[in-house]
Protein backbone atom coordinates (compact mmCIF):
# COMPACT_ATOMS: atom_id res chain seq x y z
CA UNK A 1 -55.00 31.00 -20.24
CA UNK A 2 -55.70 32.59 -23.62
CA UNK A 3 -57.86 35.26 -21.95
CA UNK A 4 -55.21 36.07 -19.37
CA UNK A 5 -52.48 36.34 -21.98
CA UNK A 6 -54.69 38.51 -24.13
CA UNK A 7 -55.50 40.78 -21.20
CA UNK A 8 -51.83 41.09 -20.29
CA UNK A 9 -50.88 41.94 -23.85
CA UNK A 10 -53.65 44.49 -24.08
CA UNK A 11 -52.61 46.06 -20.78
CA UNK A 12 -48.94 46.24 -21.82
CA UNK A 13 -49.94 47.76 -25.15
CA UNK A 14 -52.10 50.36 -23.46
CA UNK A 15 -49.23 51.18 -21.10
CA UNK A 16 -46.83 51.61 -24.01
CA UNK A 17 -49.33 53.86 -25.81
CA UNK A 18 -49.83 55.90 -22.65
CA UNK A 19 -46.08 56.36 -22.20
CA UNK A 20 -45.73 57.43 -25.84
CA UNK A 21 -48.57 59.92 -25.58
CA UNK A 22 -47.27 61.24 -22.28
CA UNK A 23 -43.75 61.63 -23.67
CA UNK A 24 -45.06 63.52 -26.67
CA UNK A 25 -47.01 65.83 -24.37
CA UNK A 26 -43.83 66.56 -22.44
CA UNK A 27 -41.96 67.27 -25.68
CA UNK A 28 -44.67 69.68 -26.77
CA UNK A 29 -44.34 71.45 -23.43
CA UNK A 30 -40.57 71.74 -23.84
CA UNK A 31 -40.89 73.09 -27.38
CA UNK A 32 -43.47 75.62 -26.20
CA UNK A 33 -41.06 76.75 -23.46
CA UNK A 34 -38.37 77.43 -26.06
CA UNK A 35 -40.89 79.33 -28.20
CA UNK A 36 -41.95 81.41 -25.21
CA UNK A 37 -38.38 82.75 -25.02
CA UNK A 38 -37.90 83.06 -28.80
CA UNK A 39 -37.08 86.76 -29.03
CA UNK A 40 -34.90 86.79 -25.92
CA UNK A 41 -32.87 83.89 -27.30
CA UNK A 42 -32.47 85.49 -30.73
CA UNK A 43 -31.41 88.78 -29.13
CA UNK A 44 -28.83 86.95 -27.00
CA UNK A 45 -27.46 85.14 -30.05
CA UNK A 46 -27.17 88.41 -31.99
CA UNK A 47 -25.46 90.14 -29.08
CA UNK A 48 -22.80 87.42 -28.93
CA UNK A 49 -22.50 87.47 -32.74
CA UNK A 50 -21.96 91.24 -32.77
CA UNK A 51 -19.30 91.06 -30.05
CA UNK A 52 -16.94 88.24 -31.14
CA UNK A 53 -14.33 87.13 -28.61
CA UNK A 54 -11.44 84.71 -29.07
CA UNK A 55 -10.96 81.57 -27.00
CA UNK A 56 -10.41 82.05 -23.24
CA UNK A 57 -11.31 85.73 -23.69
CA UNK A 58 -15.09 85.25 -24.00
CA UNK A 59 -15.79 87.35 -20.90
CA UNK A 60 -18.90 89.08 -22.21
CA UNK A 61 -20.43 86.03 -23.91
CA UNK A 62 -19.90 83.85 -20.85
CA UNK A 63 -21.33 86.50 -18.52
CA UNK A 64 -24.39 87.06 -20.71
CA UNK A 65 -25.16 83.33 -20.88
CA UNK A 66 -24.67 82.91 -17.12
CA UNK A 67 -26.84 85.92 -16.30
CA UNK A 68 -29.62 84.62 -18.53
CA UNK A 69 -29.51 81.15 -16.98
CA UNK A 70 -29.57 82.60 -13.47
CA UNK A 71 -32.54 84.74 -14.42
CA UNK A 72 -34.31 81.55 -15.52
CA UNK A 73 -33.66 79.85 -12.19
CA UNK A 74 -30.58 77.74 -12.90
CA UNK A 75 -27.88 77.35 -10.25
CA UNK A 76 -24.76 78.71 -11.96
CA UNK A 77 -21.10 78.07 -11.12
CA UNK A 78 -18.67 80.40 -12.91
CA UNK A 79 -15.01 79.82 -13.67
CA UNK A 80 -15.06 76.05 -13.31
CA UNK A 81 -11.98 73.91 -14.08
CA UNK A 82 -9.72 76.92 -13.63
CA UNK A 83 -11.06 78.54 -16.81
CA UNK A 84 -12.55 81.99 -16.10
CA UNK A 85 -15.04 81.78 -18.99
CA UNK A 86 -16.22 78.21 -18.33
CA UNK A 87 -19.40 77.58 -16.34
CA UNK A 88 -21.90 74.98 -15.18
CA UNK A 89 -25.63 75.70 -14.78
CA UNK A 90 -27.86 73.08 -13.15
CA UNK A 91 -31.58 72.50 -12.74
CA UNK A 92 -33.25 69.54 -11.03
CA UNK A 93 -31.48 66.87 -9.04
CA UNK A 94 -30.46 63.25 -9.25
CA UNK A 95 -30.26 60.94 -12.24
CA UNK A 96 -30.47 60.78 -15.18
CA UNK A 97 -28.16 63.77 -15.79
CA UNK A 98 -28.36 65.26 -19.27
CA UNK A 99 -25.90 67.94 -20.43
CA UNK A 100 -26.11 70.52 -23.20
CA UNK A 101 -22.71 71.93 -24.10
CA UNK A 102 -22.30 75.57 -25.06
CA UNK A 103 -19.54 77.10 -27.18
CA UNK A 104 -19.21 80.85 -27.69
CA UNK A 105 -15.69 81.64 -28.93
CA UNK A 106 -15.07 83.33 -32.28
CA UNK A 107 -12.41 83.05 -34.99
CA UNK A 108 -9.65 85.61 -35.59
CA UNK A 109 -10.58 88.01 -38.37
CA UNK A 110 -13.93 86.50 -39.35
CA UNK A 111 -15.80 86.57 -36.04
CA UNK A 112 -18.57 84.00 -35.61
CA UNK A 113 -17.90 82.30 -38.94
CA UNK A 114 -18.40 78.94 -37.21
CA UNK A 115 -21.71 79.96 -35.64
CA UNK A 116 -20.73 79.50 -32.01
CA UNK A 117 -23.26 82.17 -31.07
CA UNK A 118 -25.89 79.65 -32.19
CA UNK A 119 -24.19 76.76 -30.38
CA UNK A 120 -24.05 78.66 -27.09
CA UNK A 121 -27.60 79.96 -27.12
CA UNK A 122 -29.16 76.73 -28.43
CA UNK A 123 -27.60 74.90 -25.47
CA UNK A 124 -29.12 77.42 -23.08
CA UNK A 125 -32.48 77.19 -24.84
CA UNK A 126 -32.42 73.39 -24.74
CA UNK A 127 -31.75 73.64 -21.03
CA UNK A 128 -34.86 75.82 -20.62
CA UNK A 129 -36.99 73.38 -22.60
CA UNK A 130 -35.83 70.26 -20.78
CA UNK A 131 -36.00 71.91 -17.36
CA UNK A 132 -39.67 72.74 -17.90
CA UNK A 133 -40.61 69.03 -17.64
CA UNK A 134 -38.38 67.92 -14.76
CA UNK A 135 -41.34 68.07 -12.39
CA UNK A 136 -42.78 65.14 -14.40
CA UNK A 137 -39.61 63.26 -15.33
CA UNK A 138 -37.20 63.78 -12.44
CA UNK A 139 -33.49 63.90 -13.10
CA UNK A 140 -31.17 66.83 -13.83
CA UNK A 141 -30.39 69.16 -16.70
CA UNK A 142 -26.94 70.75 -16.95
CA UNK A 143 -25.76 73.48 -19.32
CA UNK A 144 -21.96 73.46 -19.45
CA UNK A 145 -20.12 76.42 -20.89
CA UNK A 146 -17.02 75.17 -22.73
CA UNK A 147 -14.70 77.95 -23.93
CA UNK A 148 -12.00 78.05 -26.60
CA UNK A 149 -13.04 75.19 -28.89
CA UNK A 150 -11.43 76.81 -31.92
CA UNK A 151 -7.89 77.43 -30.73
CA UNK A 152 -7.20 75.77 -27.37
CA UNK A 153 -9.70 72.93 -26.96
CA UNK A 154 -11.34 73.93 -23.69
CA UNK A 155 -13.25 70.65 -23.37
CA UNK A 156 -9.95 68.73 -23.32
CA UNK A 157 -8.86 70.70 -20.26
CA UNK A 158 -12.29 70.35 -18.66
CA UNK A 159 -12.41 66.61 -19.36
CA UNK A 160 -9.12 66.11 -17.55
CA UNK A 161 -10.60 67.86 -14.53
CA UNK A 162 -13.80 65.81 -14.38
CA UNK A 163 -16.27 68.37 -15.75
CA UNK A 164 -18.22 65.67 -17.62
CA UNK A 165 -18.15 62.92 -15.00
CA UNK A 166 -21.49 61.41 -13.96
CA UNK A 167 -23.43 62.39 -17.08
CA UNK A 168 -25.83 60.00 -18.80
CA UNK A 169 -25.73 61.90 -22.10
CA UNK A 170 -24.16 65.03 -23.60
CA UNK A 171 -25.29 66.99 -26.65
CA UNK A 172 -24.06 69.90 -28.74
CA UNK A 173 -25.60 71.06 -32.04
CA UNK A 174 -23.33 72.73 -34.59
CA UNK A 175 -24.71 74.99 -37.34
CA UNK A 176 -23.79 74.06 -40.89
CA UNK A 177 -25.23 73.57 -44.36
CA UNK A 178 -26.93 70.21 -43.72
CA UNK A 179 -29.02 68.45 -41.10
CA UNK A 180 -27.19 65.39 -39.78
CA UNK A 181 -26.95 63.46 -36.53
CA UNK A 182 -24.12 60.97 -37.15
CA UNK A 183 -21.19 63.32 -36.86
CA UNK A 184 -17.74 62.19 -38.00
CA UNK A 185 -14.86 64.29 -36.71
CA UNK A 186 -11.15 63.53 -36.92
CA UNK A 187 -8.76 63.09 -34.05
CA UNK A 188 -6.30 65.98 -34.21
CA UNK A 189 -2.88 66.91 -32.81
CA UNK A 190 -1.23 70.31 -33.20
CA UNK A 191 2.53 70.68 -33.57
CA UNK A 192 4.90 73.64 -33.25
CA UNK A 193 8.32 73.20 -34.85
CA UNK A 194 11.53 75.26 -34.73
CA UNK A 195 14.92 74.82 -36.39
CA UNK A 196 18.04 76.59 -35.20
CA UNK A 197 21.01 77.08 -37.55
CA UNK A 198 23.82 79.60 -37.88
CA UNK A 199 23.74 83.05 -39.46
CA UNK A 200 26.19 83.95 -42.24
CA UNK A 201 26.39 86.33 -45.18
CA UNK A 202 24.49 84.57 -47.96
CA UNK A 203 26.87 85.81 -50.67
CA UNK A 204 30.24 86.42 -48.97
CA UNK A 205 30.47 83.30 -46.76
CA UNK A 206 27.45 81.00 -47.18
CA UNK A 207 29.64 78.00 -46.28
CA UNK A 208 29.92 79.37 -42.73
CA UNK A 209 26.20 79.18 -42.15
CA UNK A 210 23.64 76.51 -41.30
CA UNK A 211 20.40 77.24 -43.07
CA UNK A 212 17.41 76.70 -40.78
CA UNK A 213 15.00 77.45 -43.62
CA UNK A 214 16.51 74.71 -45.74
CA UNK A 215 15.82 72.28 -42.90
CA UNK A 216 12.17 73.28 -42.82
CA UNK A 217 11.76 73.16 -46.60
CA UNK A 218 13.27 69.66 -46.68
CA UNK A 219 10.85 68.53 -43.96
CA UNK A 220 7.92 70.21 -45.72
CA UNK A 221 8.71 68.34 -48.93
CA UNK A 222 9.16 65.07 -47.03
CA UNK A 223 5.67 65.50 -45.57
CA UNK A 224 4.36 66.14 -49.08
CA UNK A 225 5.82 62.78 -50.13
CA UNK A 226 4.41 61.11 -47.01
CA UNK A 227 0.86 62.17 -47.93
CA UNK A 228 0.90 59.67 -50.82
CA UNK A 229 1.28 56.82 -48.34
CA UNK A 230 -1.29 57.60 -45.66
CA UNK A 231 -4.96 56.70 -45.41
CA UNK A 232 -7.35 58.73 -47.54
CA UNK A 233 -9.14 59.97 -44.43
CA UNK A 234 -6.00 61.34 -42.75
CA UNK A 235 -4.77 64.91 -43.07
CA UNK A 236 -1.40 66.64 -42.53
CA UNK A 237 -1.30 70.38 -43.10
CA UNK A 238 0.72 73.34 -41.90
CA UNK A 239 2.23 76.77 -42.52
CA UNK A 240 5.70 78.26 -42.22
CA UNK A 241 5.56 81.01 -39.62
CA UNK A 242 9.22 82.12 -39.78
CA UNK A 243 11.54 81.69 -42.76
CA UNK A 244 14.19 84.28 -41.96
CA UNK A 245 14.44 88.06 -41.94
CA UNK A 246 16.57 89.08 -44.93
CA UNK A 247 17.41 87.45 -48.26
CA UNK A 248 21.14 88.10 -47.89
CA UNK A 249 21.41 86.43 -44.47
CA UNK A 250 21.48 82.67 -44.02
CA UNK A 251 18.47 82.11 -41.71
CA UNK A 252 19.49 80.95 -38.23
CA UNK A 253 15.87 80.20 -37.26
CA UNK A 254 12.76 78.85 -38.97
CA UNK A 255 9.41 77.83 -37.52
CA UNK A 256 6.19 76.16 -38.59
CA UNK A 257 2.79 75.20 -37.24
CA UNK A 258 1.26 71.88 -38.32
CA UNK A 259 -1.82 69.79 -37.63
CA UNK A 260 -2.12 66.02 -38.00
CA UNK A 261 -5.57 64.39 -38.23
CA UNK A 262 -6.88 60.82 -38.41
CA UNK A 263 -10.22 59.01 -38.10
CA UNK A 264 -9.11 57.10 -35.04
CA UNK A 265 -6.84 57.85 -32.12
CA UNK A 266 -4.49 54.91 -32.69
CA UNK A 267 -3.70 55.88 -36.29
CA UNK A 268 -3.16 59.47 -35.18
CA UNK A 269 -0.32 58.29 -32.91
CA UNK A 270 1.19 56.35 -35.82
CA UNK A 271 1.03 59.41 -38.06
CA UNK A 272 2.57 61.66 -35.42
CA UNK A 273 5.69 59.46 -35.35
CA UNK A 274 5.99 59.58 -39.15
CA UNK A 275 5.63 63.37 -39.22
CA UNK A 276 8.35 63.80 -36.62
CA UNK A 277 10.60 61.54 -38.70
CA UNK A 278 10.18 64.00 -41.60
CA UNK A 279 11.24 66.91 -39.41
CA UNK A 280 14.19 64.93 -38.03
CA UNK A 281 15.27 64.21 -41.61
CA UNK A 282 15.35 67.95 -42.30
CA UNK A 283 17.59 68.47 -39.30
CA UNK A 284 20.00 65.69 -40.26
CA UNK A 285 20.26 66.82 -43.88
CA UNK A 286 20.90 70.49 -43.05
CA UNK A 287 22.75 70.30 -39.76
CA UNK A 288 20.18 72.51 -38.04
CA UNK A 289 18.92 71.69 -34.56
CA UNK A 290 15.25 70.67 -34.25
CA UNK A 291 12.89 71.50 -31.39
CA UNK A 292 9.20 70.60 -31.43
CA UNK A 293 6.18 70.68 -29.12
CA UNK A 294 2.94 68.76 -29.44
CA UNK A 295 -0.06 70.53 -27.95
CA UNK A 296 -1.25 69.12 -24.62
CA UNK A 297 -4.85 69.48 -25.77
CA UNK A 298 -5.11 66.76 -28.39
CA UNK A 299 -8.59 66.26 -29.87
CA UNK A 300 -9.98 62.72 -29.81
CA UNK A 301 -12.04 61.30 -32.67
CA UNK A 302 -15.79 61.84 -32.28
CA UNK A 303 -17.69 58.75 -31.10
CA UNK A 304 -21.35 59.36 -31.99
CA UNK A 305 -23.67 57.26 -29.83
CA UNK A 306 -26.04 55.45 -32.20
CA UNK A 307 -29.20 55.09 -30.06
CA UNK A 308 -28.92 58.68 -28.86
CA UNK A 309 -28.40 59.90 -32.44
CA UNK A 310 -31.41 57.95 -33.71
CA UNK A 311 -33.63 59.45 -31.00
CA UNK A 312 -32.40 62.90 -32.00
CA UNK A 313 -33.04 62.15 -35.68
CA UNK A 314 -36.66 61.26 -34.94
CA UNK A 315 -37.12 64.49 -33.01
CA UNK A 316 -35.64 66.57 -35.83
CA UNK A 317 -38.11 64.88 -38.19
CA UNK A 318 -41.05 66.06 -36.10
CA UNK A 319 -39.74 69.60 -36.62
CA UNK A 320 -39.68 69.11 -40.39
CA UNK A 321 -35.90 68.64 -40.57
CA UNK A 322 -34.87 65.85 -42.94
CA UNK A 323 -31.44 64.51 -42.04
CA UNK A 324 -28.65 63.48 -44.43
CA UNK A 325 -26.25 61.31 -42.50
CA UNK A 326 -22.98 59.47 -42.93
CA UNK A 327 -20.94 61.88 -45.07
CA UNK A 328 -18.37 60.22 -47.32
CA UNK A 329 -15.53 61.50 -45.13
CA UNK A 330 -15.04 63.05 -41.74
CA UNK A 331 -14.91 66.81 -41.67
CA UNK A 332 -12.81 68.83 -39.26
CA UNK A 333 -12.10 68.10 -35.64
CA UNK A 334 -13.71 69.05 -32.36
CA UNK A 335 -12.92 68.77 -28.68
CA UNK A 336 -16.39 67.25 -28.35
CA UNK A 337 -14.57 64.07 -29.33
CA UNK A 338 -12.87 64.08 -25.93
CA UNK A 339 -16.28 64.33 -24.26
CA UNK A 340 -17.61 61.44 -26.36
CA UNK A 341 -14.82 59.23 -25.03
CA UNK A 342 -16.11 59.79 -21.47
CA UNK A 343 -19.90 59.91 -21.83
CA UNK A 344 -22.48 58.93 -24.50
CA UNK A 345 -22.61 61.95 -26.78
CA UNK A 346 -23.84 63.36 -30.08
CA UNK A 347 -22.64 66.32 -32.11
CA UNK A 348 -25.38 66.83 -34.73
CA UNK A 349 -25.41 69.63 -37.29
CA UNK A 350 -28.34 71.81 -38.29
CA UNK A 351 -28.65 73.66 -41.57
CA UNK A 352 -28.49 77.45 -41.37
CA UNK A 353 -26.68 78.12 -44.67
CA UNK A 354 -26.92 76.98 -48.32
CA UNK A 355 -24.80 73.96 -49.33
CA UNK A 356 -22.28 76.12 -51.18
CA UNK A 357 -21.44 78.20 -48.09
CA UNK A 358 -18.74 76.65 -45.95
CA UNK A 359 -18.00 77.32 -42.30
CA UNK A 360 -15.09 79.59 -41.32
CA UNK A 361 -16.08 82.06 -44.06
CA UNK A 362 -17.52 85.58 -43.88
CA UNK A 363 -20.57 84.29 -45.74
CA UNK A 364 -21.23 81.76 -42.99
CA UNK A 365 -20.78 84.43 -40.32
CA UNK A 366 -23.62 86.34 -42.00
CA UNK A 367 -25.79 83.21 -42.03
CA UNK A 368 -25.20 82.78 -38.27
CA UNK A 369 -27.05 86.07 -37.72
CA UNK A 370 -29.76 85.52 -40.35
CA UNK A 371 -33.38 84.38 -40.13
CA UNK A 372 -32.21 80.91 -41.19
CA UNK A 373 -29.71 81.07 -38.35
CA UNK A 374 -32.45 81.95 -35.88
CA UNK A 375 -34.63 79.06 -37.11
CA UNK A 376 -31.69 76.72 -36.78
CA UNK A 377 -31.03 77.91 -33.23
CA UNK A 378 -34.61 77.31 -32.13
CA UNK A 379 -34.98 73.95 -33.90
CA UNK A 380 -31.66 72.76 -32.46
CA UNK A 381 -32.80 73.71 -28.98
CA UNK A 382 -36.17 72.00 -29.35
CA UNK A 383 -34.68 68.82 -30.80
CA UNK A 384 -32.06 68.57 -28.04
CA UNK A 385 -34.67 69.19 -25.33
CA UNK A 386 -36.94 66.56 -26.87
CA UNK A 387 -34.07 64.08 -27.04
CA UNK A 388 -33.30 64.77 -23.40
CA UNK A 389 -36.91 63.90 -22.58
CA UNK A 390 -36.49 60.58 -24.39
CA UNK A 391 -33.48 59.81 -22.22
CA UNK A 392 -35.16 61.00 -19.03
CA UNK A 393 -38.31 58.92 -19.56
CA UNK A 394 -37.18 55.79 -21.41
CA UNK A 395 -35.14 53.28 -19.35
CA UNK A 396 -34.73 50.99 -22.37
CA UNK A 397 -33.20 53.83 -24.39
CA UNK A 398 -30.82 54.59 -21.54
CA UNK A 399 -29.81 50.93 -21.44
CA UNK A 400 -29.12 50.82 -25.18
CA UNK A 401 -27.20 54.10 -25.05
CA UNK A 402 -25.02 52.78 -22.24
CA UNK A 403 -24.47 49.36 -23.82
CA UNK A 404 -23.25 50.85 -27.10
CA UNK A 405 -21.03 53.32 -25.27
CA UNK A 406 -19.38 50.55 -23.23
CA UNK A 407 -18.94 48.39 -26.33
CA UNK A 408 -17.22 51.15 -28.33
CA UNK A 409 -13.44 50.81 -28.73
């Protein structure tokens, strides 16, 4: 009995070692595939960087990414989900199905100051790396082009139309100033507000007017008071976009654009009601009429899948990337949160800029086209491809990924 148990243990151990060695060989093959396309990928990233396009207008970037994927043998569908610049590129067949999500929209005025040129091309490069081992692993690799993250939230639209259904995992790597895998992003709702009053001469007959700007200022100050009584992690911020046309005319219209953010979707809904109460108070106090519109494309909070993130962390370590996880507070918002509510997902960051350089700045835009940016692009692609191989070849990892996803609130 002792001999039999010992033999079984030895055999299982040898099998585990073989699987580990084999998996590492596949990862090395995927990384080599990315390296083989190094200059092409860098050139593609620089081309997108040098030709920034706003959300839903990324015609050139989308076409360049699709053409490159087709050249590499992917089956490409353009204009999916009714969005002309969205696409899906597939290699392999069957399950598991692993997706790399590409972004490629720019910011007004500062171009690729969020590094979406790196996000888009690293997704394509990860697809190349993972596809190179499908003959050994089986399964499918999908690169999904998701436009307009910055302004519209293209993934929200695509999620409603089933673009992410049937996936076993989804990944997107964002450039930044630190390497991290446990992303924390706030749920976010955008609000457009208008007040309508009554014009009058501001000196001759002010009593005949209803001041729409006063209504907005009252609401703005009410929101300032509200901030003292909300959770530390929540955010309410906005700008006045119309305060009137002339100082001697009582404004008959005012307008503002606001954003409300929270660490979880339920608290976001609570905050939205409180913010609207502030705007309603401005209307009641001034007599102006209030109209408001919440954006249809509300961003959900990011739900980072723990087992998937830990696999990615280990792969970044093999590339010499030390990770610094769990920031003290969530930063920003992303429509990747909506994807993470539907499929196990991660949204890691990779350092391409010094700690003092923040995203959405001209300095960061320069970093996105620098040698550090290129290294970040290639390392992001390799790490995502290697993580995909873990998912493709490890049934236990897939089980743990799925169990945590189903257990998440």
